[in-house]
Amino acid sequence: MLRGTELRLHALFLQGLDGDAQAYRSFLKATGSHLRAFLRRRLSRWPDEVEDLVQESLLAIHNQRLSYDTAVPLTAWMVAIARYKLVDWLRRHARREALNEPMPDEDAFFSSADADAGEARRDLAKLLTTLPDKQREAIIYTKLDGLSVREAAAALQMSEAAVKVSVHRGLKTLATLLKDAL
């Protein structure tokens, strides 16, 4: 799973470098999720600081993107940046003993984020199986795969209005199911 994450992020990153804005946004969103999990574990005593460090790390990744050596694993490069940001923050704000905690390797960067994402995917897949085929497929194409209504309509051989109605009804059904489950 870690290798798959590396390959997916690397592909999105390189597409972003080649000018694909959507791929770069997807890369930043996925990386932000991994950074959040990584930093949340390291900053359990300072949970309010996690989001600031996520943003600082993402900004540093963005600012240094042109210096990335494509021969080096992308995750190792990102972990190094996140570690530097974390150590800088700890030096400025944390007590001295916090600096003596061991720093994780890059595999730890993905462990809980991948597990959380896997659980969410399984839960979503289970919920989606409760929907009629047209509603499920319309939601998958438009909301999960990111296709436009026009593209989804063409793929599903439906009118655009039918896709919109299917998505609306499917999401309404899912909301009711989730509300009843709580």
C-alpha atoms as a PDB file:
ATOM      1  CA  MET A   1       0.000   0.000   0.000  1.00  0.00           C
ATOM      2  CA  LEU A   2       2.849   2.390   0.811  1.00  0.00           C
ATOM      3  CA  ARG A   3       4.390   1.814  -2.618  1.00  0.00           C
ATOM      4  CA  GLY A   4       1.029   2.554  -4.238  1.00  0.00           C
ATOM      5  CA  THR A   5       0.737   5.804  -2.293  1.00  0.00           C
ATOM      6  CA  GLU A   6       4.255   6.803  -3.319  1.00  0.00           C
ATOM      7  CA  LEU A   7       3.516   6.089  -6.983  1.00  0.00           C
ATOM      8  CA  ARG A   8       0.169   7.923  -6.918  1.00  0.00           C
ATOM      9  CA  LEU A   9       1.585  11.018  -5.209  1.00  0.00           C
ATOM     10  CA  HIS A  10       4.656  10.995  -7.444  1.00  0.00           C
ATOM     11  CA  ALA A  11       2.504  10.831 -10.589  1.00  0.00           C
ATOM     12  CA  LEU A  12       0.257  13.669  -9.393  1.00  0.00           C
ATOM     13  CA  PHE A  13       3.272  15.769  -8.424  1.00  0.00           C
ATOM     14  CA  LEU A  14       4.975  15.318 -11.795  1.00  0.00           C
ATOM     15  CA  GLN A  15       1.725  16.078 -13.636  1.00  0.00           C
ATOM     16  CA  GLY A  16       1.460  19.229 -11.535  1.00  0.00           C
ATOM     17  CA  LEU A  17       4.995  20.217 -12.446  1.00  0.00           C
ATOM     18  CA  ASP A  18       4.027  19.777 -16.098  1.00  0.00           C
ATOM     19  CA  GLY A  19       1.211  22.295 -15.658  1.00  0.00           C
ATOM     20  CA  ASP A  20      -1.783  20.100 -14.724  1.00  0.00           C
ATOM     21  CA  ALA A  21      -3.429  22.286 -12.077  1.00  0.00           C
ATOM     22  CA  GLN A  22      -6.051  19.673 -11.137  1.00  0.00           C
ATOM     23  CA  ALA A  23      -3.383  17.010 -10.558  1.00  0.00           C
ATOM     24  CA  TYR A  24      -1.367  19.452  -8.438  1.00  0.00           C
ATOM     25  CA  ARG A  25      -4.438  20.306  -6.336  1.00  0.00           C
ATOM     26  CA  SER A  26      -5.049  16.571  -5.847  1.00  0.00           C
ATOM     27  CA  PHE A  27      -1.407  16.122  -4.856  1.00  0.00           C
ATOM     28  CA  LEU A  28      -1.582  18.943  -2.286  1.00  0.00           C
ATOM     29  CA  LYS A  29      -4.873  17.669  -0.865  1.00  0.00           C
ATOM     30  CA  ALA A  30      -3.571  14.100  -0.461  1.00  0.00           C
ATOM     31  CA  THR A  31      -0.242  15.302   0.911  1.00  0.00           C
ATOM     32  CA  GLY A  32      -2.052  17.556   3.391  1.00  0.00           C
ATOM     33  CA  SER A  33      -3.981  14.550   4.672  1.00  0.00           C
ATOM     34  CA  HIS A  34      -0.784  12.559   5.184  1.00  0.00           C
ATOM     35  CA  LEU A  35       0.982  15.508   6.791  1.00  0.00           C
ATOM     36  CA  ARG A  36      -1.933  16.064   9.166  1.00  0.00           C
ATOM     37  CA  ALA A  37      -1.812  12.450  10.374  1.00  0.00           C
ATOM     38  CA  PHE A  38       1.988  12.519  10.616  1.00  0.00           C
ATOM     39  CA  LEU A  39       2.068  15.772  12.608  1.00  0.00           C
ATOM     40  CA  ARG A  40      -0.940  14.927  14.771  1.00  0.00           C
ATOM     41  CA  ARG A  41       0.968  11.926  16.146  1.00  0.00           C
ATOM     42  CA  ARG A  42       4.071  14.034  16.790  1.00  0.00           C
ATOM     43  CA  LEU A  43       2.213  16.977  18.327  1.00  0.00           C
ATOM     44  CA  SER A  44      -0.279  15.139  20.517  1.00  0.00           C
ATOM     45  CA  ARG A  45       0.488  17.592  23.340  1.00  0.00           C
ATOM     46  CA  TRP A  46      -0.113  20.575  21.050  1.00  0.00           C
ATOM     47  CA  PRO A  47      -3.081  19.637  18.828  1.00  0.00           C
ATOM     48  CA  ASP A  48      -3.848  23.274  18.006  1.00  0.00           C
ATOM     49  CA  GLU A  49      -0.494  23.597  16.240  1.00  0.00           C
ATOM     50  CA  VAL A  50      -1.007  20.757  13.756  1.00  0.00           C
ATOM     51  CA  GLU A  51      -2.845  22.734  11.084  1.00  0.00           C
ATOM     52  CA  ASP A  52      -0.293  25.564  11.136  1.00  0.00           C
ATOM     53  CA  LEU A  53       2.541  23.094  10.618  1.00  0.00           C
ATOM     54  CA  VAL A  54       0.629  21.303   7.864  1.00  0.00           C
ATOM     55  CA  GLN A  55       0.275  24.603   6.032  1.00  0.00           C
ATOM     56  CA  GLU A  56       3.920  25.538   6.611  1.00  0.00           C
ATOM     57  CA  SER A  57       5.019  22.138   5.291  1.00  0.00           C
ATOM     58  CA  LEU A  58       2.764  22.358   2.228  1.00  0.00           C
ATOM     59  CA  LEU A  59       4.073  25.846   1.514  1.00  0.00           C
ATOM     60  CA  ALA A  60       7.666  24.641   1.804  1.00  0.00           C
ATOM     61  CA  ILE A  61       6.920  21.688  -0.502  1.00  0.00           C
ATOM     62  CA  HIS A  62       5.341  24.075  -2.991  1.00  0.00           C
ATOM     63  CA  ASN A  63       8.182  26.595  -2.793  1.00  0.00           C
ATOM     64  CA  GLN A  64      10.831  23.887  -3.205  1.00  0.00           C
ATOM     65  CA  ARG A  65       8.974  21.850  -5.861  1.00  0.00           C
ATOM     66  CA  LEU A  66      11.372  22.864  -8.636  1.00  0.00           C
ATOM     67  CA  SER A  67      14.351  21.649  -6.618  1.00  0.00           C
ATOM     68  CA  TYR A  68      12.927  18.124  -6.245  1.00  0.00           C
ATOM     69  CA  ASP A  69      15.192  15.457  -7.733  1.00  0.00           C
ATOM     70  CA  THR A  70      12.881  12.961  -9.463  1.00  0.00           C
ATOM     71  CA  ALA A  71      15.381  10.153  -8.803  1.00  0.00           C
ATOM     72  CA  VAL A  72      14.692  10.453  -5.050  1.00  0.00           C
ATOM     73  CA  PRO A  73      11.478   9.000  -3.582  1.00  0.00           C
ATOM     74  CA  LEU A  74       8.978  11.839  -3.270  1.00  0.00           C
ATOM     75  CA  THR A  75       7.772  10.724   0.149  1.00  0.00           C
ATOM     76  CA  ALA A  76      11.310  10.788   1.563  1.00  0.00           C
ATOM     77  CA  TRP A  77      11.690  14.349   0.290  1.00  0.00           C
ATOM     78  CA  MET A  78       8.347  15.403   1.781  1.00  0.00           C
ATOM     79  CA  VAL A  79       9.080  13.709   5.113  1.00  0.00           C
ATOM     80  CA  ALA A  80      12.400  15.555   5.307  1.00  0.00           C
ATOM     81  CA  ILE A  81      10.627  18.877   4.787  1.00  0.00           C
ATOM     82  CA  ALA A  82       7.952  18.033   7.375  1.00  0.00           C
ATOM     83  CA  ARG A  83      10.637  16.932   9.857  1.00  0.00           C
ATOM     84  CA  TYR A  84      12.526  20.203   9.447  1.00  0.00           C
ATOM     85  CA  LYS A  85       9.342  22.190  10.008  1.00  0.00           C
ATOM     86  CA  LEU A  86       8.501  20.087  13.068  1.00  0.00           C
ATOM     87  CA  VAL A  87      11.982  20.382  14.573  1.00  0.00           C
ATOM     88  CA  ASP A  88      11.987  24.157  13.951  1.00  0.00           C
ATOM     89  CA  TRP A  89       8.636  24.481  15.703  1.00  0.00           C
ATOM     90  CA  LEU A  90       9.763  22.301  18.615  1.00  0.00           C
ATOM     91  CA  ARG A  91      12.926  24.371  19.018  1.00  0.00           C
ATOM     92  CA  ARG A  92      10.894  27.558  19.175  1.00  0.00           C
ATOM     93  CA  HIS A  93       7.972  26.372  21.292  1.00  0.00           C
ATOM     94  CA  ALA A  94       8.412  23.045  23.005  1.00  0.00           C
ATOM     95  CA  ARG A  95      10.322  21.992  26.057  1.00  0.00           C
ATOM     96  CA  ARG A  96      13.824  20.590  25.527  1.00  0.00           C
ATOM     97  CA  GLU A  97      12.820  16.974  26.232  1.00  0.00           C
ATOM     98  CA  ALA A  98      10.469  16.988  23.262  1.00  0.00           C
ATOM     99  CA  LEU A  99      13.516  17.354  21.015  1.00  0.00           C
ATOM    100  CA  ASN A 100      14.851  14.033  22.276  1.00  0.00           C
ATOM    101  CA  GLU A 101      11.879  12.032  20.994  1.00  0.00           C
ATOM    102  CA  PRO A 102      12.869   9.807  18.070  1.00  0.00           C
ATOM    103  CA  MET A 103      11.782  10.978  14.640  1.00  0.00           C
ATOM    104  CA  PRO A 104       9.864   8.439  12.565  1.00  0.00           C
ATOM    105  CA  ASP A 105      10.896   7.094   9.193  1.00  0.00           C
ATOM    106  CA  GLU A 106       8.886   7.834   6.084  1.00  0.00           C
ATOM    107  CA  ASP A 107       6.800   4.652   6.430  1.00  0.00           C
ATOM    108  CA  ALA A 108       5.253   6.141   9.566  1.00  0.00           C
ATOM    109  CA  PHE A 109       4.250   9.142   7.488  1.00  0.00           C
ATOM    110  CA  PHE A 110       1.619   7.076   5.692  1.00  0.00           C
ATOM    111  CA  SER A 111       0.627   4.403   8.172  1.00  0.00           C
ATOM    112  CA  SER A 112      -2.392   5.955   9.880  1.00  0.00           C
ATOM    113  CA  ALA A 113      -3.452   8.169   6.991  1.00  0.00           C
ATOM    114  CA  ASP A 114      -3.587   5.142   4.693  1.00  0.00           C
ATOM    115  CA  ALA A 115      -5.408   3.087   7.312  1.00  0.00           C
ATOM    116  CA  ASP A 116      -7.946   5.866   7.929  1.00  0.00           C
ATOM    117  CA  ALA A 117      -8.441   6.350   4.208  1.00  0.00           C
ATOM    118  CA  GLY A 118      -8.876   2.607   3.714  1.00  0.00           C
ATOM    119  CA  GLU A 119     -11.550   2.451   6.400  1.00  0.00           C
ATOM    120  CA  ALA A 120     -13.345   5.438   4.905  1.00  0.00           C
ATOM    121  CA  ARG A 121     -13.249   3.856   1.421  1.00  0.00           C
ATOM    122  CA  ARG A 122     -14.692   0.606   2.781  1.00  0.00           C
ATOM    123  CA  ASP A 123     -17.443   2.471   4.642  1.00  0.00           C
ATOM    124  CA  LEU A 124     -18.284   4.533   1.583  1.00  0.00           C
ATOM    125  CA  ALA A 125     -18.302   1.474  -0.678  1.00  0.00           C
ATOM    126  CA  LYS A 126     -20.676  -0.264   1.729  1.00  0.00           C
ATOM    127  CA  LEU A 127     -23.005   2.755   1.795  1.00  0.00           C
ATOM    128  CA  LEU A 128     -22.937   3.100  -1.984  1.00  0.00           C
ATOM    129  CA  THR A 129     -24.041  -0.532  -2.450  1.00  0.00           C
ATOM    130  CA  THR A 130     -27.372   0.407  -0.860  1.00  0.00           C
ATOM    131  CA  LEU A 131     -28.182   2.762  -3.748  1.00  0.00           C
ATOM    132  CA  PRO A 132     -29.726   1.878  -7.095  1.00  0.00           C
ATOM    133  CA  ASP A 133     -27.139   1.435  -9.872  1.00  0.00           C
ATOM    134  CA  LYS A 134     -27.841   4.745 -11.636  1.00  0.00           C
ATOM    135  CA  GLN A 135     -27.577   6.783  -8.437  1.00  0.00           C
ATOM    136  CA  ARG A 136     -24.444   4.963  -7.299  1.00  0.00           C
ATOM    137  CA  GLU A 137     -22.694   5.329 -10.659  1.00  0.00           C
ATOM    138  CA  ALA A 138     -23.668   8.996 -10.993  1.00  0.00           C
ATOM    139  CA  ILE A 139     -22.230   9.743  -7.541  1.00  0.00           C
ATOM    140  CA  ILE A 140     -19.044   7.787  -8.233  1.00  0.00           C
ATOM    141  CA  TYR A 141     -18.441   9.528 -11.559  1.00  0.00           C
ATOM    142  CA  THR A 142     -19.221  13.073 -10.407  1.00  0.00           C
ATOM    143  CA  LYS A 143     -18.295  13.156  -6.731  1.00  0.00           C
ATOM    144  CA  LEU A 144     -15.507  10.577  -6.430  1.00  0.00           C
ATOM    145  CA  ASP A 145     -13.910  10.499  -9.868  1.00  0.00           C
ATOM    146  CA  GLY A 146     -14.376  14.241 -10.422  1.00  0.00           C
ATOM    147  CA  LEU A 147     -16.049  14.068 -13.817  1.00  0.00           C
ATOM    148  CA  SER A 148     -18.271  16.906 -14.906  1.00  0.00           C
ATOM    149  CA  VAL A 149     -22.003  16.252 -15.235  1.00  0.00           C
ATOM    150  CA  ARG A 150     -21.570  16.318 -19.013  1.00  0.00           C
ATOM    151  CA  GLU A 151     -18.750  13.745 -18.895  1.00  0.00           C
ATOM    152  CA  ALA A 152     -20.677  11.513 -16.485  1.00  0.00           C
ATOM    153  CA  ALA A 153     -23.783  11.737 -18.677  1.00  0.00           C
ATOM    154  CA  ALA A 154     -21.781  10.615 -21.696  1.00  0.00           C
ATOM    155  CA  ALA A 155     -20.160   7.748 -19.780  1.00  0.00           C
ATOM    156  CA  LEU A 156     -23.474   6.601 -18.312  1.00  0.00           C
ATOM    157  CA  GLN A 157     -25.432   7.216 -21.529  1.00  0.00           C
ATOM    158  CA  MET A 158     -27.883   9.405 -19.630  1.00  0.00           C
ATOM    159  CA  SER A 159     -29.012  12.982 -20.026  1.00  0.00           C
ATOM    160  CA  GLU A 160     -27.259  15.622 -17.920  1.00  0.00           C
ATOM    161  CA  ALA A 161     -30.536  16.286 -16.099  1.00  0.00           C
ATOM    162  CA  ALA A 162     -30.855  12.580 -15.259  1.00  0.00           C
ATOM    163  CA  VAL A 163     -27.318  12.550 -13.847  1.00  0.00           C
ATOM    164  CA  LYS A 164     -28.084  15.592 -11.684  1.00  0.00           C
ATOM    165  CA  VAL A 165     -31.307  14.034 -10.407  1.00  0.00           C
ATOM    166  CA  SER A 166     -29.567  10.703  -9.713  1.00  0.00           C
ATOM    167  CA  VAL A 167     -26.779  12.409  -7.775  1.00  0.00           C
ATOM    168  CA  HIS A 168     -29.259  14.513  -5.791  1.00  0.00           C
ATOM    169  CA  ARG A 169     -31.481  11.544  -4.913  1.00  0.00           C
ATOM    170  CA  GLY A 170     -28.517   9.328  -4.090  1.00  0.00           C
ATOM    171  CA  LEU A 171     -26.928  11.895  -1.794  1.00  0.00           C
ATOM    172  CA  LYS A 172     -30.274  12.518  -0.120  1.00  0.00           C
ATOM    173  CA  THR A 173     -30.658   8.776   0.499  1.00  0.00           C
ATOM    174  CA  LEU A 174     -27.109   8.535   1.876  1.00  0.00           C
ATOM    175  CA  ALA A 175     -27.706  11.500   4.177  1.00  0.00           C
ATOM    176  CA  THR A 176     -30.854   9.831   5.522  1.00  0.00           C
ATOM    177  CA  LEU A 177     -29.008   6.550   6.074  1.00  0.00           C
ATOM    178  CA  LEU A 178     -26.197   8.300   7.943  1.00  0.00           C
ATOM    179  CA  LYS A 179     -28.622  10.374  10.006  1.00  0.00           C
ATOM    180  CA  ASP A 180     -30.535   7.231  11.003  1.00  0.00           C
ATOM    181  CA  ALA A 181     -27.281   5.466  11.883  1.00  0.00           C
ATOM    182  CA  LEU A 182     -26.330   8.222  14.328  1.00  0.00           C
END
